[in-house]
N, C-alpha and C. Protein backbone atom coordinates (compact mmCIF):
# COMPACT_ATOMS: atom_id res chain seq x y z
N MET A 1 28.98 -31.67 -22.64
CA MET A 1 27.83 -30.81 -22.85
C MET A 1 26.86 -30.90 -21.68
N ARG A 2 26.64 -32.15 -21.22
CA ARG A 2 25.71 -32.37 -20.12
C ARG A 2 26.20 -31.65 -18.86
N ASN A 3 27.53 -31.66 -18.61
CA ASN A 3 28.10 -30.98 -17.45
C ASN A 3 27.93 -29.47 -17.55
N ALA A 4 28.05 -28.91 -18.75
CA ALA A 4 27.88 -27.47 -18.94
C ALA A 4 26.46 -27.04 -18.64
N VAL A 5 25.48 -27.81 -19.11
CA VAL A 5 24.06 -27.51 -18.84
C VAL A 5 23.80 -27.59 -17.34
N GLY A 6 24.33 -28.64 -16.70
CA GLY A 6 24.15 -28.79 -15.25
C GLY A 6 24.77 -27.63 -14.48
N LEU A 7 25.94 -27.18 -14.94
CA LEU A 7 26.62 -26.05 -14.30
C LEU A 7 25.80 -24.78 -14.45
N ILE A 8 25.27 -24.53 -15.62
CA ILE A 8 24.45 -23.32 -15.86
C ILE A 8 23.20 -23.35 -15.00
N ILE A 9 22.54 -24.50 -14.94
CA ILE A 9 21.34 -24.62 -14.11
C ILE A 9 21.69 -24.39 -12.64
N SER A 10 22.80 -24.93 -12.19
CA SER A 10 23.22 -24.73 -10.80
C SER A 10 23.48 -23.26 -10.50
N ILE A 11 24.14 -22.56 -11.40
CA ILE A 11 24.44 -21.14 -11.21
C ILE A 11 23.15 -20.32 -11.15
N VAL A 12 22.23 -20.62 -12.06
CA VAL A 12 20.94 -19.90 -12.07
C VAL A 12 20.20 -20.14 -10.76
N LEU A 13 20.17 -21.38 -10.28
CA LEU A 13 19.48 -21.68 -9.02
C LEU A 13 20.12 -20.95 -7.84
N VAL A 14 21.45 -20.96 -7.79
CA VAL A 14 22.15 -20.27 -6.69
C VAL A 14 21.85 -18.77 -6.72
N LEU A 15 21.89 -18.18 -7.90
CA LEU A 15 21.60 -16.74 -8.02
C LEU A 15 20.16 -16.44 -7.63
N THR A 16 19.23 -17.26 -8.06
CA THR A 16 17.82 -17.06 -7.73
C THR A 16 17.60 -17.15 -6.23
N ILE A 17 18.15 -18.16 -5.61
CA ILE A 17 17.98 -18.34 -4.16
C ILE A 17 18.66 -17.21 -3.40
N SER A 18 19.86 -16.82 -3.80
CA SER A 18 20.57 -15.76 -3.07
C SER A 18 19.86 -14.42 -3.21
N CYS A 19 19.24 -14.16 -4.36
CA CYS A 19 18.50 -12.90 -4.54
C CYS A 19 17.26 -12.87 -3.66
N ASN A 20 16.62 -14.02 -3.49
CA ASN A 20 15.41 -14.08 -2.68
C ASN A 20 15.72 -14.03 -1.19
N ASP A 21 16.94 -14.33 -0.80
CA ASP A 21 17.30 -14.35 0.61
C ASP A 21 17.74 -12.99 1.14
N LYS A 22 17.84 -11.99 0.27
CA LYS A 22 18.22 -10.67 0.73
C LYS A 22 17.17 -10.17 1.71
N PRO A 23 17.60 -9.61 2.83
CA PRO A 23 16.61 -9.13 3.81
C PRO A 23 15.82 -7.94 3.26
N ILE A 24 14.60 -7.83 3.74
CA ILE A 24 13.75 -6.72 3.34
C ILE A 24 14.20 -5.50 4.13
N GLU A 25 14.42 -4.40 3.42
CA GLU A 25 14.84 -3.18 4.10
C GLU A 25 13.75 -2.74 5.09
N PRO A 26 14.13 -2.36 6.30
CA PRO A 26 13.13 -1.92 7.28
C PRO A 26 12.37 -0.69 6.77
N PHE A 27 11.06 -0.69 6.99
CA PHE A 27 10.21 0.43 6.62
C PHE A 27 8.97 0.42 7.51
N GLU A 28 8.29 1.53 7.51
CA GLU A 28 6.99 1.62 8.16
C GLU A 28 6.09 2.40 7.22
N LEU A 29 4.95 1.82 6.92
CA LEU A 29 4.00 2.46 6.02
C LEU A 29 2.63 2.38 6.68
N SER A 30 2.01 3.52 6.89
CA SER A 30 0.67 3.50 7.45
C SER A 30 -0.30 4.09 6.45
N VAL A 31 -1.50 3.50 6.42
CA VAL A 31 -2.57 3.96 5.55
C VAL A 31 -3.73 4.34 6.45
N ALA A 32 -4.11 5.61 6.40
CA ALA A 32 -5.28 6.07 7.16
C ALA A 32 -6.46 6.10 6.20
N ASP A 33 -7.48 5.31 6.51
CA ASP A 33 -8.68 5.22 5.70
C ASP A 33 -9.78 5.97 6.46
N TYR A 34 -10.19 7.11 5.92
CA TYR A 34 -11.09 8.02 6.64
C TYR A 34 -12.55 7.79 6.30
N ASN A 35 -13.40 7.91 7.32
CA ASN A 35 -14.85 7.98 7.13
C ASN A 35 -15.30 9.23 7.88
N TYR A 36 -15.29 10.35 7.18
CA TYR A 36 -15.58 11.63 7.81
C TYR A 36 -17.01 11.71 8.31
N SER A 37 -17.93 11.12 7.58
CA SER A 37 -19.35 11.24 7.95
C SER A 37 -19.66 10.54 9.27
N LEU A 38 -18.91 9.48 9.59
CA LEU A 38 -19.13 8.77 10.85
C LEU A 38 -18.08 9.09 11.90
N ALA A 39 -17.22 10.06 11.62
CA ALA A 39 -16.22 10.56 12.57
C ALA A 39 -15.28 9.48 13.09
N TYR A 40 -14.70 8.72 12.18
CA TYR A 40 -13.67 7.77 12.59
C TYR A 40 -12.74 7.50 11.41
N SER A 41 -11.62 6.90 11.73
CA SER A 41 -10.71 6.41 10.70
C SER A 41 -10.14 5.08 11.16
N VAL A 42 -9.65 4.33 10.21
CA VAL A 42 -8.99 3.08 10.52
C VAL A 42 -7.55 3.22 10.01
N LEU A 43 -6.60 2.91 10.88
CA LEU A 43 -5.19 3.02 10.54
C LEU A 43 -4.61 1.63 10.33
N TYR A 44 -4.04 1.44 9.15
CA TYR A 44 -3.38 0.18 8.80
C TYR A 44 -1.89 0.46 8.86
N ASN A 45 -1.22 -0.09 9.86
CA ASN A 45 0.21 0.16 10.04
C ASN A 45 0.98 -1.10 9.62
N LEU A 46 1.78 -0.95 8.56
CA LEU A 46 2.52 -2.06 8.00
C LEU A 46 4.02 -1.80 8.13
N THR A 47 4.73 -2.79 8.65
CA THR A 47 6.19 -2.73 8.67
C THR A 47 6.71 -3.95 7.92
N ASN A 48 8.02 -4.07 7.84
CA ASN A 48 8.59 -5.23 7.18
C ASN A 48 8.36 -6.50 8.01
N GLU A 49 7.79 -6.37 9.21
CA GLU A 49 7.57 -7.53 10.07
C GLU A 49 6.13 -7.77 10.49
N LYS A 50 5.27 -6.73 10.42
CA LYS A 50 3.95 -6.87 11.05
C LYS A 50 2.93 -5.91 10.44
N LEU A 51 1.66 -6.31 10.48
CA LEU A 51 0.54 -5.46 10.10
C LEU A 51 -0.38 -5.33 11.31
N THR A 52 -0.73 -4.09 11.66
CA THR A 52 -1.66 -3.84 12.75
C THR A 52 -2.75 -2.90 12.25
N ILE A 53 -4.00 -3.23 12.57
CA ILE A 53 -5.13 -2.39 12.18
C ILE A 53 -5.73 -1.80 13.45
N THR A 54 -5.86 -0.46 13.47
CA THR A 54 -6.34 0.25 14.65
C THR A 54 -7.54 1.11 14.29
N PHE A 55 -8.60 1.01 15.09
CA PHE A 55 -9.76 1.89 14.96
C PHE A 55 -9.45 3.18 15.71
N ARG A 56 -9.67 4.32 15.05
CA ARG A 56 -9.42 5.61 15.69
C ARG A 56 -10.70 6.44 15.65
N GLY A 57 -11.36 6.52 16.80
CA GLY A 57 -12.57 7.34 16.90
C GLY A 57 -12.19 8.81 16.96
N GLU A 58 -12.94 9.62 16.27
CA GLU A 58 -12.63 11.04 16.21
C GLU A 58 -13.49 11.86 17.18
N LEU A 59 -14.38 11.20 17.90
CA LEU A 59 -15.23 11.92 18.85
C LEU A 59 -14.52 12.04 20.20
N GLU A 60 -14.93 13.01 20.97
CA GLU A 60 -14.31 13.27 22.28
C GLU A 60 -14.41 12.03 23.17
N ASN A 61 -13.34 11.72 23.86
CA ASN A 61 -13.22 10.60 24.80
C ASN A 61 -13.24 9.22 24.15
N GLU A 62 -13.19 9.13 22.85
CA GLU A 62 -13.10 7.82 22.21
C GLU A 62 -11.65 7.37 22.22
N LYS A 63 -11.45 6.12 22.56
CA LYS A 63 -10.09 5.58 22.61
C LYS A 63 -9.82 4.73 21.37
N ASP A 64 -8.56 4.74 20.95
CA ASP A 64 -8.15 3.88 19.85
C ASP A 64 -8.18 2.42 20.31
N SER A 65 -8.47 1.53 19.39
CA SER A 65 -8.45 0.11 19.75
C SER A 65 -7.90 -0.71 18.58
N VAL A 66 -7.05 -1.69 18.93
CA VAL A 66 -6.47 -2.57 17.92
C VAL A 66 -7.54 -3.58 17.51
N LEU A 67 -7.76 -3.65 16.19
CA LEU A 67 -8.78 -4.55 15.65
C LEU A 67 -8.19 -5.88 15.18
N TYR A 68 -6.94 -5.82 14.68
CA TYR A 68 -6.35 -7.00 14.06
C TYR A 68 -4.84 -6.81 13.98
N SER A 69 -4.11 -7.91 14.08
CA SER A 69 -2.66 -7.86 13.96
C SER A 69 -2.16 -9.20 13.43
N THR A 70 -1.15 -9.14 12.56
CA THR A 70 -0.55 -10.36 12.04
C THR A 70 0.90 -10.11 11.64
N SER A 71 1.69 -11.15 11.75
CA SER A 71 3.07 -11.09 11.25
C SER A 71 3.24 -12.05 10.07
N ASP A 72 2.15 -12.68 9.64
CA ASP A 72 2.17 -13.58 8.49
C ASP A 72 1.96 -12.75 7.23
N LEU A 73 3.07 -12.25 6.67
CA LEU A 73 3.01 -11.31 5.55
C LEU A 73 3.70 -11.88 4.32
N PRO A 74 3.21 -11.53 3.12
CA PRO A 74 3.84 -12.02 1.89
C PRO A 74 5.17 -11.32 1.62
N LYS A 75 6.25 -12.06 1.72
CA LYS A 75 7.61 -11.49 1.63
C LYS A 75 7.89 -10.79 0.29
N ARG A 76 7.45 -11.38 -0.80
CA ARG A 76 7.73 -10.79 -2.12
C ARG A 76 7.08 -9.40 -2.23
N GLN A 77 5.84 -9.27 -1.76
CA GLN A 77 5.16 -7.97 -1.82
C GLN A 77 5.78 -6.97 -0.85
N LEU A 78 6.19 -7.45 0.32
CA LEU A 78 6.86 -6.57 1.28
C LEU A 78 8.16 -6.01 0.70
N LYS A 79 8.90 -6.86 0.01
CA LYS A 79 10.15 -6.41 -0.61
C LYS A 79 9.88 -5.30 -1.61
N LYS A 80 8.84 -5.47 -2.41
CA LYS A 80 8.48 -4.45 -3.40
C LYS A 80 8.09 -3.13 -2.72
N ILE A 81 7.35 -3.23 -1.63
CA ILE A 81 6.94 -2.03 -0.89
C ILE A 81 8.17 -1.35 -0.29
N SER A 82 9.09 -2.14 0.23
CA SER A 82 10.29 -1.56 0.85
C SER A 82 11.15 -0.82 -0.16
N GLU A 83 10.96 -1.11 -1.45
CA GLU A 83 11.77 -0.49 -2.50
C GLU A 83 11.12 0.77 -3.09
N ILE A 84 9.97 1.19 -2.57
CA ILE A 84 9.33 2.41 -3.06
C ILE A 84 10.26 3.59 -2.82
N ASN A 85 10.49 4.37 -3.85
CA ASN A 85 11.35 5.55 -3.75
C ASN A 85 10.51 6.73 -3.23
N ILE A 86 10.70 7.07 -1.97
CA ILE A 86 9.92 8.14 -1.33
C ILE A 86 10.10 9.46 -2.08
N ASP A 87 11.31 9.75 -2.51
CA ASP A 87 11.58 11.03 -3.17
C ASP A 87 10.81 11.22 -4.47
N SER A 88 10.40 10.13 -5.11
CA SER A 88 9.70 10.25 -6.39
C SER A 88 8.21 10.53 -6.21
N LEU A 89 7.72 10.47 -4.99
CA LEU A 89 6.28 10.66 -4.73
C LEU A 89 5.93 12.11 -4.48
N LYS A 90 4.81 12.55 -5.06
CA LYS A 90 4.26 13.86 -4.73
C LYS A 90 3.47 13.70 -3.43
N THR A 91 3.05 14.80 -2.85
CA THR A 91 2.30 14.71 -1.60
C THR A 91 0.79 14.58 -1.82
N ASP A 92 0.33 14.83 -3.04
CA ASP A 92 -1.11 14.79 -3.28
C ASP A 92 -1.41 14.29 -4.68
N TYR A 93 -2.30 13.29 -4.75
CA TYR A 93 -2.78 12.77 -6.03
C TYR A 93 -4.30 12.76 -5.93
N ARG A 94 -4.95 13.38 -6.91
CA ARG A 94 -6.41 13.42 -6.83
C ARG A 94 -7.04 13.39 -8.20
N ASN A 95 -8.24 12.85 -8.21
CA ASN A 95 -9.09 12.90 -9.39
C ASN A 95 -9.92 14.17 -9.22
N ASP A 96 -9.62 15.19 -10.02
CA ASP A 96 -10.27 16.49 -9.88
C ASP A 96 -11.75 16.49 -10.25
N CYS A 97 -12.23 15.41 -10.85
CA CYS A 97 -13.64 15.34 -11.24
C CYS A 97 -14.54 14.82 -10.12
N ILE A 98 -13.95 14.38 -9.01
CA ILE A 98 -14.74 13.84 -7.89
C ILE A 98 -14.35 14.59 -6.62
N ASP A 99 -15.35 15.18 -5.96
CA ASP A 99 -15.08 15.97 -4.76
C ASP A 99 -15.07 15.14 -3.48
N ASP A 100 -15.79 14.05 -3.45
CA ASP A 100 -15.93 13.25 -2.24
C ASP A 100 -15.62 11.81 -2.59
N GLY A 101 -15.55 10.95 -1.62
CA GLY A 101 -15.36 9.54 -1.93
C GLY A 101 -14.18 8.92 -1.23
N ASP A 102 -13.36 8.20 -1.98
CA ASP A 102 -12.27 7.40 -1.45
C ASP A 102 -11.05 8.27 -1.15
N VAL A 103 -10.81 8.52 0.15
CA VAL A 103 -9.69 9.35 0.58
C VAL A 103 -8.81 8.53 1.52
N LYS A 104 -7.54 8.42 1.16
CA LYS A 104 -6.59 7.69 1.99
C LYS A 104 -5.29 8.48 2.09
N SER A 105 -4.66 8.40 3.25
CA SER A 105 -3.36 9.04 3.45
C SER A 105 -2.33 7.97 3.78
N PHE A 106 -1.22 8.02 3.08
CA PHE A 106 -0.12 7.08 3.28
C PHE A 106 1.03 7.85 3.92
N THR A 107 1.59 7.31 4.98
CA THR A 107 2.80 7.87 5.55
C THR A 107 3.86 6.79 5.47
N ILE A 108 4.96 7.12 4.81
CA ILE A 108 6.02 6.16 4.57
C ILE A 108 7.27 6.64 5.30
N LYS A 109 7.88 5.72 6.07
CA LYS A 109 9.12 6.04 6.78
C LYS A 109 10.16 4.98 6.42
N LYS A 110 11.29 5.46 5.90
CA LYS A 110 12.42 4.59 5.56
C LYS A 110 13.69 5.32 5.96
N ASP A 111 14.56 4.61 6.60
CA ASP A 111 15.80 5.23 7.08
C ASP A 111 15.43 6.45 7.91
N SER A 112 15.93 7.61 7.56
CA SER A 112 15.59 8.82 8.31
C SER A 112 14.58 9.67 7.54
N LEU A 113 14.04 9.13 6.44
CA LEU A 113 13.09 9.88 5.62
C LEU A 113 11.66 9.53 5.97
N SER A 114 10.78 10.52 5.81
CA SER A 114 9.36 10.31 6.04
C SER A 114 8.57 11.19 5.07
N LYS A 115 7.49 10.65 4.54
CA LYS A 115 6.67 11.42 3.62
C LYS A 115 5.23 10.98 3.75
N THR A 116 4.31 11.95 3.71
CA THR A 116 2.87 11.67 3.72
C THR A 116 2.32 12.00 2.34
N VAL A 117 1.56 11.06 1.82
CA VAL A 117 0.98 11.18 0.48
C VAL A 117 -0.53 10.96 0.60
N HIS A 118 -1.31 11.86 0.01
CA HIS A 118 -2.78 11.75 0.03
C HIS A 118 -3.27 11.29 -1.33
N LEU A 119 -4.14 10.27 -1.32
CA LEU A 119 -4.79 9.81 -2.54
C LEU A 119 -6.28 10.09 -2.41
N SER A 120 -6.83 10.84 -3.35
CA SER A 120 -8.27 11.13 -3.36
C SER A 120 -8.86 10.61 -4.66
N ASN A 121 -9.57 9.47 -4.57
CA ASN A 121 -10.18 8.85 -5.74
C ASN A 121 -9.15 8.65 -6.84
N TYR A 122 -8.00 8.10 -6.47
CA TYR A 122 -6.87 8.02 -7.37
C TYR A 122 -6.20 6.66 -7.26
N TYR A 123 -5.90 6.06 -8.40
CA TYR A 123 -5.11 4.82 -8.41
C TYR A 123 -3.65 5.19 -8.64
N HIS A 124 -2.80 4.82 -7.70
CA HIS A 124 -1.37 5.08 -7.82
C HIS A 124 -0.66 3.73 -7.99
N PRO A 125 0.13 3.56 -9.06
CA PRO A 125 0.72 2.24 -9.36
C PRO A 125 1.70 1.72 -8.31
N GLU A 126 2.28 2.57 -7.48
CA GLU A 126 3.19 2.09 -6.44
C GLU A 126 2.50 1.94 -5.09
N LEU A 127 1.56 2.83 -4.78
CA LEU A 127 0.93 2.81 -3.47
C LEU A 127 -0.34 1.94 -3.41
N SER A 128 -1.12 1.96 -4.46
CA SER A 128 -2.37 1.19 -4.46
C SER A 128 -2.16 -0.31 -4.25
N PRO A 129 -1.09 -0.91 -4.77
CA PRO A 129 -0.86 -2.34 -4.48
C PRO A 129 -0.70 -2.64 -2.99
N VAL A 130 -0.34 -1.66 -2.19
CA VAL A 130 -0.27 -1.86 -0.74
C VAL A 130 -1.67 -2.20 -0.22
N ILE A 131 -2.67 -1.47 -0.70
CA ILE A 131 -4.05 -1.73 -0.29
C ILE A 131 -4.47 -3.12 -0.74
N GLU A 132 -4.13 -3.48 -1.97
CA GLU A 132 -4.47 -4.80 -2.49
C GLU A 132 -3.83 -5.90 -1.64
N MET A 133 -2.57 -5.72 -1.24
CA MET A 133 -1.89 -6.71 -0.42
C MET A 133 -2.58 -6.84 0.94
N ILE A 134 -2.84 -5.70 1.58
CA ILE A 134 -3.49 -5.72 2.89
C ILE A 134 -4.85 -6.39 2.80
N ASN A 135 -5.65 -5.99 1.81
CA ASN A 135 -6.98 -6.59 1.66
C ASN A 135 -6.90 -8.09 1.37
N GLY A 136 -5.80 -8.53 0.80
CA GLY A 136 -5.64 -9.94 0.50
C GLY A 136 -5.29 -10.80 1.70
N ILE A 137 -4.86 -10.18 2.81
CA ILE A 137 -4.44 -10.99 3.97
C ILE A 137 -5.30 -10.78 5.22
N VAL A 138 -6.12 -9.73 5.25
CA VAL A 138 -6.93 -9.48 6.45
C VAL A 138 -8.32 -10.10 6.29
N PRO A 139 -9.00 -10.38 7.41
CA PRO A 139 -10.38 -10.84 7.31
C PRO A 139 -11.24 -9.80 6.57
N GLU A 140 -12.25 -10.25 5.88
CA GLU A 140 -13.07 -9.38 5.03
C GLU A 140 -13.61 -8.15 5.78
N LYS A 141 -13.97 -8.31 7.03
CA LYS A 141 -14.56 -7.18 7.76
C LYS A 141 -13.55 -6.04 8.00
N TYR A 142 -12.25 -6.31 7.83
CA TYR A 142 -11.24 -5.28 8.01
C TYR A 142 -10.65 -4.76 6.71
N GLU A 143 -11.18 -5.21 5.58
CA GLU A 143 -10.68 -4.74 4.29
C GLU A 143 -11.02 -3.27 4.08
N MET A 144 -10.12 -2.58 3.41
CA MET A 144 -10.36 -1.19 3.04
C MET A 144 -11.32 -1.15 1.86
N ASN A 145 -12.15 -0.12 1.83
CA ASN A 145 -13.01 0.09 0.68
C ASN A 145 -12.10 0.46 -0.48
N TYR A 146 -12.12 -0.37 -1.51
CA TYR A 146 -11.17 -0.16 -2.60
C TYR A 146 -11.63 -0.93 -3.83
N ASP A 147 -11.70 -0.24 -4.96
CA ASP A 147 -12.06 -0.88 -6.23
C ASP A 147 -11.13 -0.35 -7.31
N LYS A 148 -10.08 -1.10 -7.58
CA LYS A 148 -9.04 -0.70 -8.53
C LYS A 148 -9.64 -0.36 -9.89
N ALA A 149 -10.47 -1.25 -10.43
CA ALA A 149 -11.03 -1.04 -11.77
C ALA A 149 -11.87 0.23 -11.82
N GLU A 150 -12.65 0.47 -10.78
CA GLU A 150 -13.48 1.68 -10.74
C GLU A 150 -12.63 2.94 -10.66
N LEU A 151 -11.59 2.92 -9.83
CA LEU A 151 -10.71 4.09 -9.72
C LEU A 151 -10.05 4.41 -11.06
N ILE A 152 -9.55 3.39 -11.73
CA ILE A 152 -8.89 3.60 -13.02
C ILE A 152 -9.89 4.13 -14.05
N GLN A 153 -11.10 3.57 -14.05
CA GLN A 153 -12.11 4.02 -15.01
C GLN A 153 -12.52 5.47 -14.73
N GLU A 154 -12.69 5.83 -13.45
CA GLU A 154 -13.05 7.21 -13.10
C GLU A 154 -11.95 8.18 -13.51
N MET A 155 -10.70 7.78 -13.34
CA MET A 155 -9.59 8.65 -13.75
C MET A 155 -9.58 8.82 -15.27
N LYS A 156 -9.84 7.74 -15.99
CA LYS A 156 -9.90 7.80 -17.45
C LYS A 156 -11.05 8.70 -17.90
N ASN A 157 -12.22 8.54 -17.27
CA ASN A 157 -13.37 9.38 -17.61
C ASN A 157 -13.07 10.85 -17.35
N CYS A 158 -12.37 11.14 -16.27
CA CYS A 158 -12.03 12.53 -15.94
C CYS A 158 -11.10 13.12 -17.00
N GLU A 159 -10.11 12.35 -17.42
CA GLU A 159 -9.20 12.83 -18.47
C GLU A 159 -9.96 13.12 -19.76
N GLU A 160 -10.89 12.22 -20.11
CA GLU A 160 -11.69 12.43 -21.32
C GLU A 160 -12.53 13.69 -21.19
N TYR A 161 -13.09 13.91 -20.00
CA TYR A 161 -13.92 15.09 -19.74
C TYR A 161 -13.06 16.36 -19.85
N LYS A 162 -11.87 16.34 -19.25
CA LYS A 162 -10.98 17.49 -19.31
C LYS A 162 -10.53 17.78 -20.75
N ASN A 163 -10.27 16.74 -21.50
CA ASN A 163 -9.83 16.91 -22.89
C ASN A 163 -10.95 17.40 -23.80
N ALA A 164 -12.20 17.15 -23.43
CA ALA A 164 -13.35 17.57 -24.27
C ALA A 164 -13.64 19.06 -24.08
N GLU A 165 -13.17 19.63 -22.99
CA GLU A 165 -13.46 21.05 -22.72
C GLU A 165 -12.73 21.96 -23.65
């Protein structure tokens, strides 16, 4: 009996380790965080190997500049991001009750596929965790403006408003 338990534990450990060792599928995901009033955007470019943050001035003669870069990335979250099904995403998600505010564009490239998705005051269960991951690893001054609880509450309030009409 003791040998059977040991064998089962060994098999489970081998399977767990082998599943975690699978390489992360190559991908490139960029998030453009816009500030229209100040005429600039910040581009967060994430691959399966690296994160780079670039300031992009929108005024004439302004040059882009790299603000931050790291290759120290959380593998488990990267794996989840690499598994996002591009075909299942629409190109636009918005909270129709808010005209201005949190606007981000995601461009995802995997294999030979590419898709751009716009989020306007919207929490998306597959894309929003990318923002949470990035904000969790960058210095505070480079974090994206993002409040998950507020976005979810605003979406809920909008649905209630639409249903009351």
